[in-house]
PDB file of N, CA and C in Angstrom:
ATOM      1  N   MET A   1      12.791  -2.612  10.538  1.00  0.00           N
ATOM      2  CA  MET A   1      11.891  -3.554   9.912  1.00  0.00           C
ATOM      3  C   MET A   1      11.645  -3.121   8.473  1.00  0.00           C
ATOM      4  N   LYS A   2      11.533  -4.079   7.601  1.00  0.00           N
ATOM      5  CA  LYS A   2      11.375  -3.806   6.173  1.00  0.00           C
ATOM      6  C   LYS A   2      10.090  -4.449   5.666  1.00  0.00           C
ATOM      7  N   VAL A   3       9.353  -3.691   4.820  1.00  0.00           N
ATOM      8  CA  VAL A   3       8.147  -4.191   4.165  1.00  0.00           C
ATOM      9  C   VAL A   3       8.287  -3.916   2.674  1.00  0.00           C
ATOM     10  N   ILE A   4       7.991  -4.903   1.861  1.00  0.00           N
ATOM     11  CA  ILE A   4       8.054  -4.768   0.412  1.00  0.00           C
ATOM     12  C   ILE A   4       6.641  -4.444  -0.082  1.00  0.00           C
ATOM     13  N   VAL A   5       6.533  -3.407  -0.884  1.00  0.00           N
ATOM     14  CA  VAL A   5       5.233  -2.957  -1.381  1.00  0.00           C
ATOM     15  C   VAL A   5       5.261  -2.981  -2.901  1.00  0.00           C
ATOM     16  N   ASP A   6       4.248  -3.599  -3.507  1.00  0.00           N
ATOM     17  CA  ASP A   6       4.159  -3.554  -4.965  1.00  0.00           C
ATOM     18  C   ASP A   6       2.807  -3.004  -5.389  1.00  0.00           C
ATOM     19  N   PHE A   7       2.784  -2.471  -6.618  1.00  0.00           N
ATOM     20  CA  PHE A   7       1.614  -1.764  -7.141  1.00  0.00           C
ATOM     21  C   PHE A   7       1.194  -2.362  -8.480  1.00  0.00           C
ATOM     22  N   GLY A   8      -0.116  -2.489  -8.665  1.00  0.00           N
ATOM     23  CA  GLY A   8      -0.657  -2.983  -9.923  1.00  0.00           C
ATOM     24  C   GLY A   8      -1.842  -2.148 -10.368  1.00  0.00           C
ATOM     25  N   GLY A   9      -2.250  -2.350 -11.588  1.00  0.00           N
ATOM     26  CA  GLY A   9      -3.415  -1.650 -12.115  1.00  0.00           C
ATOM     27  C   GLY A   9      -3.195  -0.163 -12.328  1.00  0.00           C
ATOM     28  N   GLY A  10      -1.946   0.242 -12.502  1.00  0.00           N
ATOM     29  CA  GLY A  10      -1.651   1.644 -12.772  1.00  0.00           C
ATOM     30  C   GLY A  10      -1.281   2.469 -11.556  1.00  0.00           C
ATOM     31  N   LEU A  11      -1.305   1.890 -10.358  1.00  0.00           N
ATOM     32  CA  LEU A  11      -0.976   2.656  -9.158  1.00  0.00           C
ATOM     33  C   LEU A  11       0.492   3.064  -9.086  1.00  0.00           C
ATOM     34  N   ASP A  12       1.326   2.408  -9.864  1.00  0.00           N
ATOM     35  CA  ASP A  12       2.750   2.737  -9.858  1.00  0.00           C
ATOM     36  C   ASP A  12       3.032   4.169 -10.310  1.00  0.00           C
ATOM     37  N   VAL A  13       2.116   4.789 -11.070  1.00  0.00           N
ATOM     38  CA  VAL A  13       2.363   6.168 -11.527  1.00  0.00           C
ATOM     39  C   VAL A  13       2.454   7.142 -10.357  1.00  0.00           C
ATOM     40  N   CYS A  14       1.846   6.780  -9.259  1.00  0.00           N
ATOM     41  CA  CYS A  14       1.900   7.627  -8.065  1.00  0.00           C
ATOM     42  C   CYS A  14       3.268   7.550  -7.388  1.00  0.00           C
ATOM     43  N   PHE A  15       4.040   6.521  -7.717  1.00  0.00           N
ATOM     44  CA  PHE A  15       5.322   6.283  -7.066  1.00  0.00           C
ATOM     45  C   PHE A  15       6.451   6.226  -8.095  1.00  0.00           C
ATOM     46  N   GLU A  16       6.506   7.253  -8.939  1.00  0.00           N
ATOM     47  CA  GLU A  16       7.555   7.404  -9.950  1.00  0.00           C
ATOM     48  C   GLU A  16       7.664   6.189 -10.872  1.00  0.00           C
ATOM     49  N   ASN A  17       6.528   5.592 -11.204  1.00  0.00           N
ATOM     50  CA  ASN A  17       6.449   4.427 -12.092  1.00  0.00           C
ATOM     51  C   ASN A  17       7.196   3.198 -11.577  1.00  0.00           C
ATOM     52  N   LYS A  18       7.403   3.148 -10.278  1.00  0.00           N
ATOM     53  CA  LYS A  18       8.043   1.969  -9.676  1.00  0.00           C
ATOM     54  C   LYS A  18       6.966   0.946  -9.347  1.00  0.00           C
ATOM     55  N   LYS A  19       7.144  -0.252  -9.829  1.00  0.00           N
ATOM     56  CA  LYS A  19       6.193  -1.336  -9.557  1.00  0.00           C
ATOM     57  C   LYS A  19       6.383  -1.905  -8.158  1.00  0.00           C
ATOM     58  N   GLU A  20       7.554  -1.688  -7.576  1.00  0.00           N
ATOM     59  CA  GLU A  20       7.854  -2.213  -6.248  1.00  0.00           C
ATOM     60  C   GLU A  20       8.768  -1.243  -5.508  1.00  0.00           C
ATOM     61  N   ILE A  21       8.482  -1.048  -4.223  1.00  0.00           N
ATOM     62  CA  ILE A  21       9.356  -0.252  -3.371  1.00  0.00           C
ATOM     63  C   ILE A  21       9.527  -0.981  -2.044  1.00  0.00           C
ATOM     64  N   THR A  22      10.572  -0.628  -1.328  1.00  0.00           N
ATOM     65  CA  THR A  22      10.810  -1.182  -0.001  1.00  0.00           C
ATOM     66  C   THR A  22      10.698  -0.057   1.009  1.00  0.00           C
ATOM     67  N   LEU A  23       9.892  -0.273   2.027  1.00  0.00           N
ATOM     68  CA  LEU A  23       9.737   0.708   3.093  1.00  0.00           C
ATOM     69  C   LEU A  23      10.489   0.219   4.323  1.00  0.00           C
ATOM     70  N   GLU A  24      11.242   1.118   4.924  1.00  0.00           N
ATOM     71  CA  GLU A  24      11.987   0.808   6.151  1.00  0.00           C
ATOM     72  C   GLU A  24      11.307   1.486   7.325  1.00  0.00           C
ATOM     73  N   PHE A  25      11.178   0.770   8.420  1.00  0.00           N
ATOM     74  CA  PHE A  25      10.591   1.292   9.649  1.00  0.00           C
ATOM     75  C   PHE A  25      11.563   1.054  10.796  1.00  0.00           C
ATOM     76  N   GLU A  26      11.676   2.032  11.680  1.00  0.00           N
ATOM     77  CA  GLU A  26      12.509   1.857  12.869  1.00  0.00           C
ATOM     78  C   GLU A  26      11.841   0.933  13.874  1.00  0.00           C
ATOM     79  N   GLU A  27      10.509   1.005  13.934  1.00  0.00           N
ATOM     80  CA  GLU A  27       9.763   0.184  14.875  1.00  0.00           C
ATOM     81  C   GLU A  27       9.811  -1.284  14.467  1.00  0.00           C
ATOM     82  N   GLN A  28       9.719  -2.161  15.443  1.00  0.00           N
ATOM     83  CA  GLN A  28       9.692  -3.599  15.165  1.00  0.00           C
ATOM     84  C   GLN A  28       8.272  -4.130  15.026  1.00  0.00           C
ATOM     85  N   GLN A  29       7.306  -3.378  15.536  1.00  0.00           N
ATOM     86  CA  GLN A  29       5.897  -3.741  15.427  1.00  0.00           C
ATOM     87  C   GLN A  29       5.180  -2.661  14.626  1.00  0.00           C
ATOM     88  N   ILE A  30       4.697  -3.019  13.445  1.00  0.00           N
ATOM     89  CA  ILE A  30       3.949  -2.046  12.654  1.00  0.00           C
ATOM     90  C   ILE A  30       2.654  -2.669  12.159  1.00  0.00           C
ATOM     91  N   LYS A  31       1.714  -1.800  11.841  1.00  0.00           N
ATOM     92  CA  LYS A  31       0.423  -2.213  11.305  1.00  0.00           C
ATOM     93  C   LYS A  31       0.308  -1.714   9.874  1.00  0.00           C
ATOM     94  N   MET A  32      -0.696  -2.202   9.191  1.00  0.00           N
ATOM     95  CA  MET A  32      -0.962  -1.729   7.827  1.00  0.00           C
ATOM     96  C   MET A  32      -1.213  -0.226   7.816  1.00  0.00           C
ATOM     97  N   ALA A  33      -1.812   0.313   8.867  1.00  0.00           N
ATOM     98  CA  ALA A  33      -2.050   1.752   8.947  1.00  0.00           C
ATOM     99  C   ALA A  33      -0.737   2.523   8.852  1.00  0.00           C
ATOM    100  N   ASP A  34       0.338   1.979   9.421  1.00  0.00           N
ATOM    101  CA  ASP A  34       1.655   2.629   9.347  1.00  0.00           C
ATOM    102  C   ASP A  34       2.176   2.639   7.914  1.00  0.00           C
ATOM    103  N   VAL A  35       1.954   1.546   7.204  1.00  0.00           N
ATOM    104  CA  VAL A  35       2.373   1.464   5.799  1.00  0.00           C
ATOM    105  C   VAL A  35       1.605   2.495   4.972  1.00  0.00           C
ATOM    106  N   ILE A  36       0.307   2.580   5.186  1.00  0.00           N
ATOM    107  CA  ILE A  36      -0.513   3.529   4.428  1.00  0.00           C
ATOM    108  C   ILE A  36      -0.082   4.964   4.701  1.00  0.00           C
ATOM    109  N   LEU A  37       0.176   5.288   5.957  1.00  0.00           N
ATOM    110  CA  LEU A  37       0.621   6.650   6.291  1.00  0.00           C
ATOM    111  C   LEU A  37       1.960   6.979   5.636  1.00  0.00           C
ATOM    112  N   LYS A  38       2.874   6.019   5.632  1.00  0.00           N
ATOM    113  CA  LYS A  38       4.179   6.256   5.004  1.00  0.00           C
ATOM    114  C   LYS A  38       4.032   6.418   3.494  1.00  0.00           C
ATOM    115  N   LEU A  39       3.190   5.595   2.873  1.00  0.00           N
ATOM    116  CA  LEU A  39       2.958   5.720   1.437  1.00  0.00           C
ATOM    117  C   LEU A  39       2.357   7.074   1.103  1.00  0.00           C
ATOM    118  N   LYS A  40       1.465   7.557   1.958  1.00  0.00           N
ATOM    119  CA  LYS A  40       0.836   8.854   1.720  1.00  0.00           C
ATOM    120  C   LYS A  40       1.875   9.972   1.683  1.00  0.00           C
ATOM    121  N   THR A  41       2.935   9.853   2.463  1.00  0.00           N
ATOM    122  CA  THR A  41       3.965  10.898   2.491  1.00  0.00           C
ATOM    123  C   THR A  41       4.839  10.888   1.238  1.00  0.00           C
ATOM    124  N   ILE A  42       4.927   9.738   0.543  1.00  0.00           N
ATOM    125  CA  ILE A  42       5.788   9.683  -0.640  1.00  0.00           C
ATOM    126  C   ILE A  42       5.019   9.633  -1.954  1.00  0.00           C
ATOM    127  N   CYS A  43       3.696   9.533  -1.880  1.00  0.00           N
ATOM    128  CA  CYS A  43       2.856   9.468  -3.079  1.00  0.00           C
ATOM    129  C   CYS A  43       2.786  10.835  -3.749  1.00  0.00           C
ATOM    130  N   ASN A  44       2.824  10.844  -5.064  1.00  0.00           N
ATOM    131  CA  ASN A  44       2.666  12.076  -5.828  1.00  0.00           C
ATOM    132  C   ASN A  44       1.189  12.240  -6.182  1.00  0.00           C
ATOM    133  N   PRO A  45       0.449  13.056  -5.416  1.00  0.00           N
ATOM    134  CA  PRO A  45      -1.000  13.176  -5.656  1.00  0.00           C
ATOM    135  C   PRO A  45      -1.343  13.836  -6.988  1.00  0.00           C
ATOM    136  N   LYS A  46      -0.377  14.503  -7.612  1.00  0.00           N
ATOM    137  CA  LYS A  46      -0.651  15.111  -8.919  1.00  0.00           C
ATOM    138  C   LYS A  46      -0.756  14.051 -10.004  1.00  0.00           C
ATOM    139  N   LYS A  47      -0.161  12.898  -9.771  1.00  0.00           N
ATOM    140  CA  LYS A  47      -0.215  11.803 -10.743  1.00  0.00           C
ATOM    141  C   LYS A  47      -1.470  10.958 -10.579  1.00  0.00           C
ATOM    142  N   LEU A  48      -1.850  10.703  -9.336  1.00  0.00           N
ATOM    143  CA  LEU A  48      -2.986   9.836  -9.061  1.00  0.00           C
ATOM    144  C   LEU A  48      -3.440  10.075  -7.633  1.00  0.00           C
ATOM    145  N   ASP A  49      -4.730  10.230  -7.454  1.00  0.00           N
ATOM    146  CA  ASP A  49      -5.255  10.419  -6.109  1.00  0.00           C
ATOM    147  C   ASP A  49      -5.462   9.049  -5.478  1.00  0.00           C
ATOM    148  N   PHE A  50      -4.404   8.486  -4.945  1.00  0.00           N
ATOM    149  CA  PHE A  50      -4.355   7.143  -4.372  1.00  0.00           C
ATOM    150  C   PHE A  50      -5.123   7.070  -3.057  1.00  0.00           C
ATOM    151  N   PHE A  51      -5.151   8.199  -2.351  1.00  0.00           N
ATOM    152  CA  PHE A  51      -5.743   8.228  -1.024  1.00  0.00           C
ATOM    153  C   PHE A  51      -6.978   9.106  -0.982  1.00  0.00           C
ATOM    154  N   TYR A  52      -7.877   8.753  -0.116  1.00  0.00           N
ATOM    155  CA  TYR A  52      -9.059   9.547   0.155  1.00  0.00           C
ATOM    156  C   TYR A  52      -8.959   9.915   1.631  1.00  0.00           C
ATOM    157  N   THR A  53      -8.579  11.143   1.921  1.00  0.00           N
ATOM    158  CA  THR A  53      -8.231  11.600   3.269  1.00  0.00           C
ATOM    159  C   THR A  53      -7.165  10.674   3.844  1.00  0.00           C
ATOM    160  N   GLN A  54      -7.425  10.022   4.977  1.00  0.00           N
ATOM    161  CA  GLN A  54      -6.414   9.153   5.605  1.00  0.00           C
ATOM    162  C   GLN A  54      -6.562   7.686   5.195  1.00  0.00           C
ATOM    163  N   GLN A  55      -7.502   7.393   4.298  1.00  0.00           N
ATOM    164  CA  GLN A  55      -7.725   6.014   3.897  1.00  0.00           C
ATOM    165  C   GLN A  55      -7.497   5.849   2.395  1.00  0.00           C
ATOM    166  N   LEU A  56      -7.448   4.607   1.978  1.00  0.00           N
ATOM    167  CA  LEU A  56      -7.336   4.320   0.548  1.00  0.00           C
ATOM    168  C   LEU A  56      -8.662   4.589  -0.130  1.00  0.00           C
ATOM    169  N   ARG A  57      -8.590   4.995  -1.379  1.00  0.00           N
ATOM    170  CA  ARG A  57      -9.815   5.170  -2.162  1.00  0.00           C
ATOM    171  C   ARG A  57     -10.476   3.809  -2.391  1.00  0.00           C
ATOM    172  N   PRO A  58     -11.799   3.810  -2.545  1.00  0.00           N
ATOM    173  CA  PRO A  58     -12.477   2.553  -2.915  1.00  0.00           C
ATOM    174  C   PRO A  58     -11.953   2.058  -4.270  1.00  0.00           C
ATOM    175  N   GLY A  59     -12.005   0.758  -4.475  1.00  0.00           N
ATOM    176  CA  GLY A  59     -11.550   0.182  -5.742  1.00  0.00           C
ATOM    177  C   GLY A  59     -10.099  -0.242  -5.735  1.00  0.00           C
ATOM    178  N   ILE A  60      -9.462  -0.221  -4.566  1.00  0.00           N
ATOM    179  CA  ILE A  60      -8.078  -0.672  -4.467  1.00  0.00           C
ATOM    180  C   ILE A  60      -8.056  -1.959  -3.645  1.00  0.00           C
ATOM    181  N   LEU A  61      -7.635  -3.035  -4.289  1.00  0.00           N
ATOM    182  CA  LEU A  61      -7.499  -4.327  -3.633  1.00  0.00           C
ATOM    183  C   LEU A  61      -6.167  -4.341  -2.895  1.00  0.00           C
ATOM    184  N   VAL A  62      -6.192  -4.762  -1.647  1.00  0.00           N
ATOM    185  CA  VAL A  62      -4.973  -4.809  -0.840  1.00  0.00           C
ATOM    186  C   VAL A  62      -4.730  -6.256  -0.415  1.00  0.00           C
ATOM    187  N   LEU A  63      -3.512  -6.713  -0.650  1.00  0.00           N
ATOM    188  CA  LEU A  63      -3.119  -8.074  -0.272  1.00  0.00           C
ATOM    189  C   LEU A  63      -1.920  -8.015   0.660  1.00  0.00           C
ATOM    190  N   ILE A  64      -1.936  -8.848   1.674  1.00  0.00           N
ATOM    191  CA  ILE A  64      -0.786  -9.017   2.566  1.00  0.00           C
ATOM    192  C   ILE A  64      -0.287 -10.431   2.352  1.00  0.00           C
ATOM    193  N   ASN A  65       0.900 -10.561   1.806  1.00  0.00           N
ATOM    194  CA  ASN A  65       1.454 -11.883   1.471  1.00  0.00           C
ATOM    195  C   ASN A  65       0.438 -12.707   0.665  1.00  0.00           C
ATOM    196  N   ASP A  66      -0.149 -12.073  -0.346  1.00  0.00           N
ATOM    197  CA  ASP A  66      -1.097 -12.674  -1.285  1.00  0.00           C
ATOM    198  C   ASP A  66      -2.454 -13.048  -0.686  1.00  0.00           C
ATOM    199  N   ALA A  67      -2.754 -12.580   0.528  1.00  0.00           N
ATOM    200  CA  ALA A  67      -4.072 -12.821   1.139  1.00  0.00           C
ATOM    201  C   ALA A  67      -4.796 -11.485   1.287  1.00  0.00           C
ATOM    202  N   ASP A  68      -6.086 -11.495   1.042  1.00  0.00           N
ATOM    203  CA  ASP A  68      -6.902 -10.282   1.160  1.00  0.00           C
ATOM    204  C   ASP A  68      -6.764  -9.705   2.567  1.00  0.00           C
ATOM    205  N   TRP A  69      -6.482  -8.419   2.633  1.00  0.00           N
ATOM    206  CA  TRP A  69      -6.252  -7.797   3.940  1.00  0.00           C
ATOM    207  C   TRP A  69      -7.506  -7.767   4.796  1.00  0.00           C
ATOM    208  N   GLU A  70      -8.669  -7.951   4.201  1.00  0.00           N
ATOM    209  CA  GLU A  70      -9.903  -7.993   4.983  1.00  0.00           C
ATOM    210  C   GLU A  70      -9.927  -9.218   5.901  1.00  0.00           C
ATOM    211  N   LEU A  71      -9.193 -10.257   5.534  1.00  0.00           N
ATOM    212  CA  LEU A  71      -9.072 -11.437   6.395  1.00  0.00           C
ATOM    213  C   LEU A  71      -8.112 -11.190   7.552  1.00  0.00           C
ATOM    214  N   GLU A  72      -7.318 -10.140   7.436  1.00  0.00           N
ATOM    215  CA  GLU A  72      -6.284  -9.835   8.425  1.00  0.00           C
ATOM    216  C   GLU A  72      -6.608  -8.603   9.265  1.00  0.00           C
ATOM    217  N   ASP A  73      -7.819  -8.074   9.188  1.00  0.00           N
ATOM    218  CA  ASP A  73      -8.258  -6.920   9.974  1.00  0.00           C
ATOM    219  C   ASP A  73      -7.804  -5.581   9.387  1.00  0.00           C
ATOM    220  N   LYS A  74      -7.671  -5.514   8.080  1.00  0.00           N
ATOM    221  CA  LYS A  74      -7.373  -4.290   7.332  1.00  0.00           C
ATOM    222  C   LYS A  74      -6.248  -3.464   7.949  1.00  0.00           C
ATOM    223  N   GLU A  75      -6.544  -2.193   8.305  1.00  0.00           N
ATOM    224  CA  GLU A  75      -5.519  -1.273   8.802  1.00  0.00           C
ATOM    225  C   GLU A  75      -4.865  -1.747  10.099  1.00  0.00           C
ATOM    226  N   GLU A  76      -5.535  -2.602  10.843  1.00  0.00           N
ATOM    227  CA  GLU A  76      -5.010  -3.080  12.125  1.00  0.00           C
ATOM    228  C   GLU A  76      -4.117  -4.314  11.983  1.00  0.00           C
ATOM    229  N   ALA A  77      -3.985  -4.843  10.780  1.00  0.00           N
ATOM    230  CA  ALA A  77      -3.176  -6.042  10.564  1.00  0.00           C
ATOM    231  C   ALA A  77      -1.731  -5.798  10.971  1.00  0.00           C
ATOM    232  N   GLN A  78      -1.192  -6.699  11.761  1.00  0.00           N
ATOM    233  CA  GLN A  78       0.200  -6.634  12.191  1.00  0.00           C
ATOM    234  C   GLN A  78       1.091  -7.202  11.085  1.00  0.00           C
ATOM    235  N   LEU A  79       2.168  -6.504  10.792  1.00  0.00           N
ATOM    236  CA  LEU A  79       3.086  -6.963   9.752  1.00  0.00           C
ATOM    237  C   LEU A  79       4.389  -7.460  10.363  1.00  0.00           C
ATOM    238  N   GLN A  80       5.036  -8.345   9.628  1.00  0.00           N
ATOM    239  CA  GLN A  80       6.321  -8.909  10.033  1.00  0.00           C
ATOM    240  C   GLN A  80       7.407  -8.435   9.061  1.00  0.00           C
ATOM    241  N   HIS A  81       8.651  -8.572   9.489  1.00  0.00           N
ATOM    242  CA  HIS A  81       9.791  -8.216   8.644  1.00  0.00           C
ATOM    243  C   HIS A  81       9.709  -8.976   7.317  1.00  0.00           C
ATOM    244  N   ASN A  82       9.902  -8.246   6.210  1.00  0.00           N
ATOM    245  CA  ASN A  82       9.896  -8.777   4.844  1.00  0.00           C
ATOM    246  C   ASN A  82       8.518  -9.211   4.344  1.00  0.00           C
ATOM    247  N   ASP A  83       7.449  -8.809   5.018  1.00  0.00           N
ATOM    248  CA  ASP A  83       6.122  -9.068   4.465  1.00  0.00           C
ATOM    249  C   ASP A  83       5.969  -8.302   3.157  1.00  0.00           C
ATOM    250  N   ARG A  84       5.130  -8.848   2.278  1.00  0.00           N
ATOM    251  CA  ARG A  84       4.840  -8.212   0.993  1.00  0.00           C
ATOM    252  C   ARG A  84       3.406  -7.712   1.009  1.00  0.00           C
ATOM    253  N   VAL A  85       3.254  -6.428   0.686  1.00  0.00           N
ATOM    254  CA  VAL A  85       1.943  -5.802   0.619  1.00  0.00           C
ATOM    255  C   VAL A  85       1.717  -5.367  -0.823  1.00  0.00           C
ATOM    256  N   SER A  86       0.576  -5.740  -1.386  1.00  0.00           N
ATOM    257  CA  SER A  86       0.256  -5.400  -2.772  1.00  0.00           C
ATOM    258  C   SER A  86      -0.976  -4.501  -2.803  1.00  0.00           C
ATOM    259  N   PHE A  87      -0.895  -3.455  -3.613  1.00  0.00           N
ATOM    260  CA  PHE A  87      -2.020  -2.553  -3.855  1.00  0.00           C
ATOM    261  C   PHE A  87      -2.352  -2.655  -5.341  1.00  0.00           C
ATOM    262  N   ILE A  88      -3.584  -3.042  -5.655  1.00  0.00           N
ATOM    263  CA  ILE A  88      -3.976  -3.246  -7.039  1.00  0.00           C
ATOM    264  C   ILE A  88      -5.271  -2.471  -7.308  1.00  0.00           C
ATOM    265  N   SER A  89      -5.213  -1.580  -8.267  1.00  0.00           N
ATOM    266  CA  SER A  89      -6.413  -0.823  -8.623  1.00  0.00           C
ATOM    267  C   SER A  89      -7.325  -1.700  -9.454  1.00  0.00           C
ATOM    268  N   THR A  90      -8.593  -1.715  -9.078  1.00  0.00           N
ATOM    269  CA  THR A  90      -9.583  -2.466  -9.855  1.00  0.00           C
ATOM    270  C   THR A  90     -10.364  -1.534 -10.766  1.00  0.00           C
ATOM    271  N   LEU A  91     -10.048  -0.248 -10.724  1.00  0.00           N
ATOM    272  CA  LEU A  91     -10.732   0.757 -11.554  1.00  0.00           C
ATOM    273  C   LEU A  91      -9.846   1.105 -12.737  1.00  0.00           C
ATOM    274  N   HIS A  92     -10.399   1.002 -13.926  1.00  0.00           N
ATOM    275  CA  HIS A  92      -9.630   1.295 -15.129  1.00  0.00           C
ATOM    276  C   HIS A  92     -10.476   2.152 -16.053  1.00  0.00           C
ATOM    277  N   GLY A  93      -9.814   3.061 -16.723  1.00  0.00           N
ATOM    278  CA  GLY A  93     -10.518   3.893 -17.698  1.00  0.00           C
ATOM    279  C   GLY A  93     -10.882   3.093 -18.927  1.00  0.00           C
ATOM    280  N   GLY A  94     -11.760   3.654 -19.716  1.00  0.00           N
ATOM    281  CA  GLY A  94     -12.138   2.893 -20.896  1.00  0.00           C
ATOM    282  C   GLY A  94     -12.629   3.793 -21.995  1.00  0.00           C
TER     283      GLY A  94
END
């Protein structure tokens, strides 16, 4: 199963400045929690502290196919093949 992940608001620095990556999963049924765990394993924490323990830091908007993940049950949301997940930081320096 494949999920497309894109980053906005500067979060791409955690992923080698890539605005979009594709994650492959062997399982056919995955949840958003699986995506977050996989991202945590490839994120460079020296560039940006994207995660707060096992969860995302506050101030990160998450969209599943352009819909707020809070409408889809957040970490428990079931994903389908080729779904698009967007992580957008709402926190910016000034």
